[in-house]
């Protein structure tokens, strides 16, 4: 039984309790209330463990996204280096074939510019994807934590009302 269900039962006990004439007080079975409070205490650590597991999952997903982004950046750099190397080989072949003494600057060839442009695009895409994954993981964790906060607030309110009710008797 979840803590929420236990709190719902506590609420039912109070709602269905016997009203005391000329007051807002309700009489409830003390043993039933105390038993439900004990159950809630035992189940509460499980819910906290679940919240902790969700945070760990968010951290894991963020780590995976960052690792993927790093791998994509590395692959883009390697591809750019390969293209630069191929451009150098091509430039040397052109120079030899023409027999000219022209000095070709590899960094100015269209192939190198295309390689650099492609490499920059791959890096930008990897960073964008990593950011999206990180944002989604953060949003998911925020949503779960907000729901847990709402549940805990509801539980605290119910427990306070129960304590106040028991204290006023």
C-alpha atoms as a PDB file:
ATOM      1  CA  UNK A   1       0.000   0.000   0.000  1.00  0.00           C
ATOM      2  CA  UNK A   2       1.440   3.407  -0.926  1.00  0.00           C
ATOM      3  CA  UNK A   3       1.720   6.346   1.419  1.00  0.00           C
ATOM      4  CA  UNK A   4      -0.923   8.164  -0.630  1.00  0.00           C
ATOM      5  CA  UNK A   5      -3.384   5.311  -0.139  1.00  0.00           C
ATOM      6  CA  UNK A   6      -2.683   5.322   3.599  1.00  0.00           C
ATOM      7  CA  UNK A   7      -3.309   9.063   3.737  1.00  0.00           C
ATOM      8  CA  UNK A   8      -6.532   8.543   1.796  1.00  0.00           C
ATOM      9  CA  UNK A   9      -7.599   6.005   4.428  1.00  0.00           C
ATOM     10  CA  UNK A  10      -6.733   8.474   7.202  1.00  0.00           C
ATOM     11  CA  UNK A  11      -8.802  11.081   5.438  1.00  0.00           C
ATOM     12  CA  UNK A  12     -11.667   8.587   5.178  1.00  0.00           C
ATOM     13  CA  UNK A  13     -11.479   7.868   8.916  1.00  0.00           C
ATOM     14  CA  UNK A  14     -11.709  11.576   9.690  1.00  0.00           C
ATOM     15  CA  UNK A  15     -14.455  12.204   7.118  1.00  0.00           C
ATOM     16  CA  UNK A  16     -16.519   9.272   8.382  1.00  0.00           C
ATOM     17  CA  UNK A  17     -15.771   9.846  12.081  1.00  0.00           C
ATOM     18  CA  UNK A  18     -18.512  10.530  14.536  1.00  0.00           C
ATOM     19  CA  UNK A  19     -19.191  14.273  14.890  1.00  0.00           C
ATOM     20  CA  UNK A  20     -19.169  15.798  18.335  1.00  0.00           C
ATOM     21  CA  UNK A  21     -22.282  17.871  18.896  1.00  0.00           C
ATOM     22  CA  UNK A  22     -21.886  21.670  18.756  1.00  0.00           C
ATOM     23  CA  UNK A  23     -18.226  21.494  17.595  1.00  0.00           C
ATOM     24  CA  UNK A  24     -16.112  20.925  14.513  1.00  0.00           C
ATOM     25  CA  UNK A  25     -14.413  17.997  16.238  1.00  0.00           C
ATOM     26  CA  UNK A  26     -14.709  14.415  15.020  1.00  0.00           C
ATOM     27  CA  UNK A  27     -14.189  11.277  17.053  1.00  0.00           C
ATOM     28  CA  UNK A  28     -12.068   8.602  15.334  1.00  0.00           C
ATOM     29  CA  UNK A  29     -10.733   5.229  16.379  1.00  0.00           C
ATOM     30  CA  UNK A  30      -7.302   5.963  17.841  1.00  0.00           C
ATOM     31  CA  UNK A  31      -5.926   2.479  17.092  1.00  0.00           C
ATOM     32  CA  UNK A  32      -6.895   2.693  13.415  1.00  0.00           C
ATOM     33  CA  UNK A  33      -5.343   6.148  13.026  1.00  0.00           C
ATOM     34  CA  UNK A  34      -2.111   5.160  14.774  1.00  0.00           C
ATOM     35  CA  UNK A  35      -1.853   1.976  12.690  1.00  0.00           C
ATOM     36  CA  UNK A  36      -2.224   3.965   9.461  1.00  0.00           C
ATOM     37  CA  UNK A  37       0.370   6.510  10.628  1.00  0.00           C
ATOM     38  CA  UNK A  38       2.797   3.660  11.394  1.00  0.00           C
ATOM     39  CA  UNK A  39       2.213   2.184   7.924  1.00  0.00           C
ATOM     40  CA  UNK A  40       2.870   5.578   6.362  1.00  0.00           C
ATOM     41  CA  UNK A  41       6.136   5.873   8.288  1.00  0.00           C
ATOM     42  CA  UNK A  42       7.225   2.462   7.024  1.00  0.00           C
ATOM     43  CA  UNK A  43       6.279   3.197   3.407  1.00  0.00           C
ATOM     44  CA  UNK A  44       7.684   6.726   3.286  1.00  0.00           C
ATOM     45  CA  UNK A  45      11.326   5.628   2.954  1.00  0.00           C
ATOM     46  CA  UNK A  46      10.356   3.594  -0.144  1.00  0.00           C
ATOM     47  CA  UNK A  47       8.933   6.700  -1.788  1.00  0.00           C
ATOM     48  CA  UNK A  48      12.062   8.656  -0.915  1.00  0.00           C
ATOM     49  CA  UNK A  49      14.153   5.809  -2.379  1.00  0.00           C
ATOM     50  CA  UNK A  50      12.093   6.038  -5.575  1.00  0.00           C
ATOM     51  CA  UNK A  51      12.763   9.769  -5.802  1.00  0.00           C
ATOM     52  CA  UNK A  52      16.482   9.093  -5.283  1.00  0.00           C
ATOM     53  CA  UNK A  53      16.407   6.453  -8.020  1.00  0.00           C
ATOM     54  CA  UNK A  54      14.778   8.957 -10.375  1.00  0.00           C
ATOM     55  CA  UNK A  55      17.532  11.458  -9.666  1.00  0.00           C
ATOM     56  CA  UNK A  56      20.175   8.807 -10.322  1.00  0.00           C
ATOM     57  CA  UNK A  57      18.443   7.906 -13.608  1.00  0.00           C
ATOM     58  CA  UNK A  58      18.475  11.582 -14.607  1.00  0.00           C
ATOM     59  CA  UNK A  59      22.205  11.777 -13.817  1.00  0.00           C
ATOM     60  CA  UNK A  60      22.839   8.603 -15.800  1.00  0.00           C
ATOM     61  CA  UNK A  61      20.916   9.921 -18.819  1.00  0.00           C
ATOM     62  CA  UNK A  62      22.775  13.219 -18.645  1.00  0.00           C
ATOM     63  CA  UNK A  63      26.095  11.367 -18.510  1.00  0.00           C
ATOM     64  CA  UNK A  64      25.141   9.230 -21.482  1.00  0.00           C
ATOM     65  CA  UNK A  65      24.109  12.319 -23.452  1.00  0.00           C
ATOM     66  CA  UNK A  66      27.396  14.026 -22.680  1.00  0.00           C
ATOM     67  CA  UNK A  67      29.359  10.890 -23.629  1.00  0.00           C
ATOM     68  CA  UNK A  68      27.453  10.673 -26.903  1.00  0.00           C
ATOM     69  CA  UNK A  69      28.154  14.328 -27.612  1.00  0.00           C
ATOM     70  CA  UNK A  70      31.865  13.857 -26.880  1.00  0.00           C
ATOM     71  CA  UNK A  71      31.972  10.822 -29.194  1.00  0.00           C
ATOM     72  CA  UNK A  72      30.261  12.804 -31.954  1.00  0.00           C
ATOM     73  CA  UNK A  73      32.724  15.689 -31.546  1.00  0.00           C
ATOM     74  CA  UNK A  74      35.668  13.261 -31.667  1.00  0.00           C
ATOM     75  CA  UNK A  75      34.277  11.582 -34.793  1.00  0.00           C
ATOM     76  CA  UNK A  76      33.771  14.978 -36.445  1.00  0.00           C
ATOM     77  CA  UNK A  77      37.332  16.017 -35.666  1.00  0.00           C
ATOM     78  CA  UNK A  78      38.680  12.723 -37.024  1.00  0.00           C
ATOM     79  CA  UNK A  79      36.603  13.124 -40.184  1.00  0.00           C
ATOM     80  CA  UNK A  80      37.885  16.677 -40.626  1.00  0.00           C
ATOM     81  CA  UNK A  81      41.481  15.489 -40.194  1.00  0.00           C
ATOM     82  CA  UNK A  82      40.919  12.717 -42.721  1.00  0.00           C
ATOM     83  CA  UNK A  83      39.479  15.190 -45.214  1.00  0.00           C
ATOM     84  CA  UNK A  84      42.404  17.609 -44.660  1.00  0.00           C
ATOM     85  CA  UNK A  85      44.843  14.748 -45.189  1.00  0.00           C
ATOM     86  CA  UNK A  86      43.036  13.713 -48.380  1.00  0.00           C
ATOM     87  CA  UNK A  87      43.095  17.324 -49.561  1.00  0.00           C
ATOM     88  CA  UNK A  88      46.850  17.481 -48.979  1.00  0.00           C
ATOM     89  CA  UNK A  89      47.392  14.291 -50.955  1.00  0.00           C
ATOM     90  CA  UNK A  90      45.178  15.615 -53.744  1.00  0.00           C
ATOM     91  CA  UNK A  91      47.017  18.951 -53.752  1.00  0.00           C
ATOM     92  CA  UNK A  92      50.381  17.197 -53.969  1.00  0.00           C
ATOM     93  CA  UNK A  93      49.143  15.026 -56.849  1.00  0.00           C
ATOM     94  CA  UNK A  94      47.862  18.076 -58.711  1.00  0.00           C
ATOM     95  CA  UNK A  95      51.159  19.862 -58.153  1.00  0.00           C
ATOM     96  CA  UNK A  96      53.195  16.881 -59.403  1.00  0.00           C
ATOM     97  CA  UNK A  97      50.926  16.211 -62.379  1.00  0.00           C
ATOM     98  CA  UNK A  98      51.041  19.786 -63.570  1.00  0.00           C
ATOM     99  CA  UNK A  99      54.757  19.912 -63.095  1.00  0.00           C
ATOM    100  CA  UNK A 100      54.453  23.434 -61.966  1.00  0.00           C
ATOM    101  CA  UNK A 101      56.223  24.921 -59.121  1.00  0.00           C
ATOM    102  CA  UNK A 102      53.030  26.486 -57.781  1.00  0.00           C
ATOM    103  CA  UNK A 103      52.654  26.487 -54.085  1.00  0.00           C
ATOM    104  CA  UNK A 104      49.303  25.210 -53.036  1.00  0.00           C
ATOM    105  CA  UNK A 105      48.086  26.118 -49.649  1.00  0.00           C
ATOM    106  CA  UNK A 106      45.934  23.243 -48.521  1.00  0.00           C
ATOM    107  CA  UNK A 107      44.019  25.416 -46.084  1.00  0.00           C
ATOM    108  CA  UNK A 108      42.674  27.433 -49.009  1.00  0.00           C
ATOM    109  CA  UNK A 109      41.346  24.546 -51.098  1.00  0.00           C
ATOM    110  CA  UNK A 110      37.635  24.006 -51.432  1.00  0.00           C
ATOM    111  CA  UNK A 111      37.933  20.480 -50.047  1.00  0.00           C
ATOM    112  CA  UNK A 112      39.459  21.694 -46.801  1.00  0.00           C
ATOM    113  CA  UNK A 113      36.846  24.411 -46.448  1.00  0.00           C
ATOM    114  CA  UNK A 114      34.122  21.828 -47.022  1.00  0.00           C
ATOM    115  CA  UNK A 115      35.744  19.514 -44.463  1.00  0.00           C
ATOM    116  CA  UNK A 116      36.033  22.274 -41.901  1.00  0.00           C
ATOM    117  CA  UNK A 117      32.457  23.356 -42.545  1.00  0.00           C
ATOM    118  CA  UNK A 118      31.220  19.783 -42.239  1.00  0.00           C
ATOM    119  CA  UNK A 119      33.229  19.257 -39.047  1.00  0.00           C
ATOM    120  CA  UNK A 120      31.827  22.422 -37.507  1.00  0.00           C
ATOM    121  CA  UNK A 121      28.301  21.363 -38.458  1.00  0.00           C
ATOM    122  CA  UNK A 122      28.766  17.907 -36.906  1.00  0.00           C
ATOM    123  CA  UNK A 123      30.106  19.470 -33.691  1.00  0.00           C
ATOM    124  CA  UNK A 124      27.212  21.944 -33.561  1.00  0.00           C
ATOM    125  CA  UNK A 125      24.695  19.136 -34.140  1.00  0.00           C
ATOM    126  CA  UNK A 126      26.287  17.013 -31.414  1.00  0.00           C
ATOM    127  CA  UNK A 127      26.195  19.881 -28.942  1.00  0.00           C
ATOM    128  CA  UNK A 128      22.571  20.646 -29.840  1.00  0.00           C
ATOM    129  CA  UNK A 129      21.506  16.995 -29.420  1.00  0.00           C
ATOM    130  CA  UNK A 130      23.358  16.736 -26.099  1.00  0.00           C
ATOM    131  CA  UNK A 131      21.640  19.911 -24.898  1.00  0.00           C
ATOM    132  CA  UNK A 132      18.218  18.600 -25.914  1.00  0.00           C
ATOM    133  CA  UNK A 133      18.809  15.290 -24.126  1.00  0.00           C
ATOM    134  CA  UNK A 134      20.036  17.129 -21.035  1.00  0.00           C
ATOM    135  CA  UNK A 135      16.977  19.444 -21.125  1.00  0.00           C
ATOM    136  CA  UNK A 136      14.601  16.488 -21.465  1.00  0.00           C
ATOM    137  CA  UNK A 137      16.254  14.645 -18.577  1.00  0.00           C
ATOM    138  CA  UNK A 138      16.070  17.789 -16.416  1.00  0.00           C
ATOM    139  CA  UNK A 139      12.395  18.322 -17.307  1.00  0.00           C
ATOM    140  CA  UNK A 140      11.586  14.719 -16.444  1.00  0.00           C
ATOM    141  CA  UNK A 141      13.380  14.934 -13.101  1.00  0.00           C
ATOM    142  CA  UNK A 142      11.675  18.284 -12.356  1.00  0.00           C
ATOM    143  CA  UNK A 143       8.272  16.761 -13.118  1.00  0.00           C
ATOM    144  CA  UNK A 144       8.874  13.750 -10.896  1.00  0.00           C
ATOM    145  CA  UNK A 145      10.206  15.897  -8.055  1.00  0.00           C
ATOM    146  CA  UNK A 146       7.226  18.293  -8.343  1.00  0.00           C
ATOM    147  CA  UNK A 147       4.804  15.378  -8.113  1.00  0.00           C
ATOM    148  CA  UNK A 148       6.667  13.985  -5.128  1.00  0.00           C
ATOM    149  CA  UNK A 149       6.663  17.428  -3.489  1.00  0.00           C
ATOM    150  CA  UNK A 150       2.891  17.710  -4.004  1.00  0.00           C
ATOM    151  CA  UNK A 151       2.335  14.254  -2.535  1.00  0.00           C
ATOM    152  CA  UNK A 152       4.545  15.027   0.463  1.00  0.00           C
ATOM    153  CA  UNK A 153       2.776  18.358   1.026  1.00  0.00           C
ATOM    154  CA  UNK A 154      -0.594  16.625   0.962  1.00  0.00           C
ATOM    155  CA  UNK A 155       0.681  13.987   3.403  1.00  0.00           C
ATOM    156  CA  UNK A 156       2.110  16.625   5.738  1.00  0.00           C
ATOM    157  CA  UNK A 157      -1.157  18.555   5.703  1.00  0.00           C
ATOM    158  CA  UNK A 158      -3.156  15.439   6.508  1.00  0.00           C
ATOM    159  CA  UNK A 159      -0.763  14.413   9.273  1.00  0.00           C
ATOM    160  CA  UNK A 160      -0.841  17.939  10.771  1.00  0.00           C
ATOM    161  CA  UNK A 161      -4.633  17.917  10.733  1.00  0.00           C
ATOM    162  CA  UNK A 162      -4.616  14.519  12.402  1.00  0.00           C
ATOM    163  CA  UNK A 163      -2.176  15.711  15.081  1.00  0.00           C
ATOM    164  CA  UNK A 164      -4.192  18.881  15.653  1.00  0.00           C
ATOM    165  CA  UNK A 165      -7.368  16.857  15.868  1.00  0.00           C
ATOM    166  CA  UNK A 166      -5.812  14.409  18.313  1.00  0.00           C
ATOM    167  CA  UNK A 167      -4.331  17.252  20.348  1.00  0.00           C
ATOM    168  CA  UNK A 168      -7.677  19.030  20.660  1.00  0.00           C
ATOM    169  CA  UNK A 169      -9.409  15.910  22.047  1.00  0.00           C
END
